[in-house]
Amino acid sequence: MIFDSIKNADIYRKISPNLKAALDYMKAHDLNEMEPGRYPIADGKVLIIIKKRICHEK
């Protein structure tokens, strides 16, 4: 697990090809606009999971 700001994502791209694929996907797509679901990428080696939950009432 990496806990950092998305602004620093380039630092981590060299860790693994799968992490690079996930970071590239997140950079190329607006995850906030995607429907909840499972999105396989990198020939199914990486799975992007979008969930939307209400954490508290406004």
N, C-alpha and C. Protein backbone atom coordinates (compact mmCIF):
# COMPACT_ATOMS: atom_id res chain seq x y z
N MET A 1 0.85 -1.17 0.00
CA MET A 1 0.00 0.00 0.00
C MET A 1 0.90 1.23 0.00
N ILE A 2 0.50 2.19 -0.79
CA ILE A 2 1.21 3.47 -0.83
C ILE A 2 0.24 4.54 -0.36
N PHE A 3 0.65 5.31 0.61
CA PHE A 3 -0.17 6.40 1.12
C PHE A 3 0.57 7.69 0.82
N ASP A 4 0.09 8.40 -0.20
CA ASP A 4 0.76 9.62 -0.64
C ASP A 4 -0.23 10.43 -1.45
N SER A 5 0.17 11.60 -1.84
CA SER A 5 -0.65 12.44 -2.71
C SER A 5 -0.53 11.95 -4.15
N ILE A 6 -1.63 12.02 -4.89
CA ILE A 6 -1.61 11.61 -6.31
C ILE A 6 -0.63 12.47 -7.11
N LYS A 7 -0.33 13.65 -6.60
CA LYS A 7 0.65 14.52 -7.27
C LYS A 7 2.03 13.87 -7.34
N ASN A 8 2.30 12.94 -6.44
CA ASN A 8 3.60 12.27 -6.39
C ASN A 8 3.60 10.92 -7.09
N ALA A 9 2.59 10.62 -7.88
CA ALA A 9 2.44 9.30 -8.50
C ALA A 9 3.63 8.91 -9.36
N ASP A 10 4.25 9.87 -10.02
CA ASP A 10 5.37 9.54 -10.91
C ASP A 10 6.53 8.87 -10.17
N ILE A 11 6.67 9.13 -8.90
CA ILE A 11 7.73 8.53 -8.10
C ILE A 11 7.59 7.01 -8.08
N TYR A 12 6.36 6.51 -8.13
CA TYR A 12 6.07 5.09 -7.91
C TYR A 12 5.90 4.27 -9.18
N ARG A 13 5.92 4.89 -10.34
CA ARG A 13 5.68 4.18 -11.61
C ARG A 13 6.67 3.05 -11.87
N LYS A 14 7.88 3.17 -11.37
CA LYS A 14 8.92 2.17 -11.64
C LYS A 14 8.84 0.95 -10.72
N ILE A 15 7.95 0.97 -9.75
CA ILE A 15 7.87 -0.14 -8.80
C ILE A 15 7.47 -1.43 -9.50
N SER A 16 6.45 -1.37 -10.36
CA SER A 16 6.03 -2.56 -11.10
C SER A 16 5.24 -2.15 -12.33
N PRO A 17 5.22 -3.00 -13.35
CA PRO A 17 4.44 -2.69 -14.55
C PRO A 17 2.94 -2.57 -14.25
N ASN A 18 2.45 -3.36 -13.31
CA ASN A 18 1.03 -3.30 -12.98
C ASN A 18 0.67 -2.00 -12.27
N LEU A 19 1.54 -1.55 -11.39
CA LEU A 19 1.30 -0.27 -10.72
C LEU A 19 1.36 0.86 -11.74
N LYS A 20 2.29 0.79 -12.67
CA LYS A 20 2.37 1.80 -13.73
C LYS A 20 1.08 1.81 -14.55
N ALA A 21 0.55 0.63 -14.88
CA ALA A 21 -0.70 0.55 -15.65
C ALA A 21 -1.85 1.21 -14.89
N ALA A 22 -1.93 0.95 -13.58
CA ALA A 22 -3.00 1.54 -12.76
C ALA A 22 -2.85 3.05 -12.69
N LEU A 23 -1.64 3.53 -12.47
CA LEU A 23 -1.42 4.98 -12.38
C LEU A 23 -1.68 5.66 -13.72
N ASP A 24 -1.27 5.02 -14.82
CA ASP A 24 -1.55 5.58 -16.14
C ASP A 24 -3.05 5.66 -16.40
N TYR A 25 -3.77 4.62 -16.00
CA TYR A 25 -5.23 4.60 -16.19
C TYR A 25 -5.88 5.72 -15.38
N MET A 26 -5.45 5.87 -14.13
CA MET A 26 -6.04 6.91 -13.28
C MET A 26 -5.75 8.30 -13.83
N LYS A 27 -4.59 8.48 -14.44
CA LYS A 27 -4.24 9.77 -15.02
C LYS A 27 -5.06 10.07 -16.28
N ALA A 28 -5.38 9.03 -17.04
CA ALA A 28 -6.08 9.20 -18.32
C ALA A 28 -7.60 9.25 -18.20
N HIS A 29 -8.14 8.87 -17.06
CA HIS A 29 -9.60 8.80 -16.89
C HIS A 29 -10.03 9.61 -15.67
N ASP A 30 -11.20 10.20 -15.76
CA ASP A 30 -11.79 10.91 -14.62
C ASP A 30 -12.56 9.88 -13.79
N LEU A 31 -11.94 9.37 -12.75
CA LEU A 31 -12.56 8.31 -11.94
C LEU A 31 -13.85 8.77 -11.28
N ASN A 32 -13.98 10.06 -11.00
CA ASN A 32 -15.20 10.58 -10.39
C ASN A 32 -16.40 10.51 -11.33
N GLU A 33 -16.14 10.44 -12.62
CA GLU A 33 -17.22 10.39 -13.61
C GLU A 33 -17.58 8.96 -14.00
N MET A 34 -16.83 7.99 -13.55
CA MET A 34 -17.08 6.59 -13.93
C MET A 34 -18.18 5.99 -13.06
N GLU A 35 -18.94 5.10 -13.65
CA GLU A 35 -19.98 4.39 -12.92
C GLU A 35 -19.33 3.37 -11.99
N PRO A 36 -19.98 3.09 -10.85
CA PRO A 36 -19.46 2.04 -9.97
C PRO A 36 -19.34 0.72 -10.74
N GLY A 37 -18.30 0.00 -10.45
CA GLY A 37 -18.09 -1.28 -11.10
C GLY A 37 -16.64 -1.69 -11.08
N ARG A 38 -16.38 -2.79 -11.77
CA ARG A 38 -15.03 -3.35 -11.86
C ARG A 38 -14.53 -3.15 -13.28
N TYR A 39 -13.33 -2.62 -13.42
CA TYR A 39 -12.75 -2.33 -14.71
C TYR A 39 -11.39 -3.02 -14.82
N PRO A 40 -11.34 -4.17 -15.49
CA PRO A 40 -10.04 -4.84 -15.66
C PRO A 40 -9.19 -4.09 -16.70
N ILE A 41 -7.92 -3.93 -16.39
CA ILE A 41 -6.98 -3.30 -17.33
C ILE A 41 -5.72 -4.16 -17.38
N ALA A 42 -4.79 -3.79 -18.23
CA ALA A 42 -3.50 -4.49 -18.35
C ALA A 42 -3.72 -5.99 -18.56
N ASP A 43 -4.55 -6.31 -19.55
CA ASP A 43 -4.85 -7.72 -19.87
C ASP A 43 -5.40 -8.49 -18.67
N GLY A 44 -6.18 -7.81 -17.83
CA GLY A 44 -6.80 -8.44 -16.68
C GLY A 44 -5.89 -8.61 -15.48
N LYS A 45 -4.67 -8.11 -15.55
CA LYS A 45 -3.74 -8.24 -14.43
C LYS A 45 -4.00 -7.20 -13.34
N VAL A 46 -4.70 -6.13 -13.69
CA VAL A 46 -5.00 -5.04 -12.76
C VAL A 46 -6.49 -4.80 -12.80
N LEU A 47 -7.07 -4.55 -11.64
CA LEU A 47 -8.50 -4.31 -11.55
C LEU A 47 -8.74 -2.96 -10.89
N ILE A 48 -9.44 -2.08 -11.60
CA ILE A 48 -9.85 -0.80 -11.04
C ILE A 48 -11.27 -1.01 -10.50
N ILE A 49 -11.49 -0.71 -9.24
CA ILE A 49 -12.81 -0.87 -8.63
C ILE A 49 -13.31 0.50 -8.22
N ILE A 50 -14.47 0.87 -8.75
CA ILE A 50 -15.10 2.15 -8.43
C ILE A 50 -16.30 1.88 -7.54
N LYS A 51 -16.30 2.49 -6.36
CA LYS A 51 -17.43 2.40 -5.44
C LYS A 51 -17.84 3.81 -5.06
N LYS A 52 -19.11 4.00 -4.87
CA LYS A 52 -19.60 5.31 -4.43
C LYS A 52 -20.47 5.09 -3.21
N ARG A 53 -20.07 5.72 -2.14
CA ARG A 53 -20.81 5.60 -0.88
C ARG A 53 -20.99 6.97 -0.26
N ILE A 54 -22.07 7.14 0.44
CA ILE A 54 -22.30 8.37 1.19
C ILE A 54 -21.72 8.14 2.58
N CYS A 55 -20.73 8.93 2.93
CA CYS A 55 -20.06 8.77 4.22
C CYS A 55 -20.84 9.40 5.36
N HIS A 56 -21.52 10.49 5.06
CA HIS A 56 -22.30 11.18 6.07
C HIS A 56 -23.34 12.03 5.38
N GLU A 57 -24.34 12.41 6.10
CA GLU A 57 -25.38 13.25 5.53
C GLU A 57 -24.95 14.70 5.60
N LYS A 58 -25.27 15.45 4.56
CA LYS A 58 -24.90 16.87 4.54
C LYS A 58 -25.99 17.70 5.16
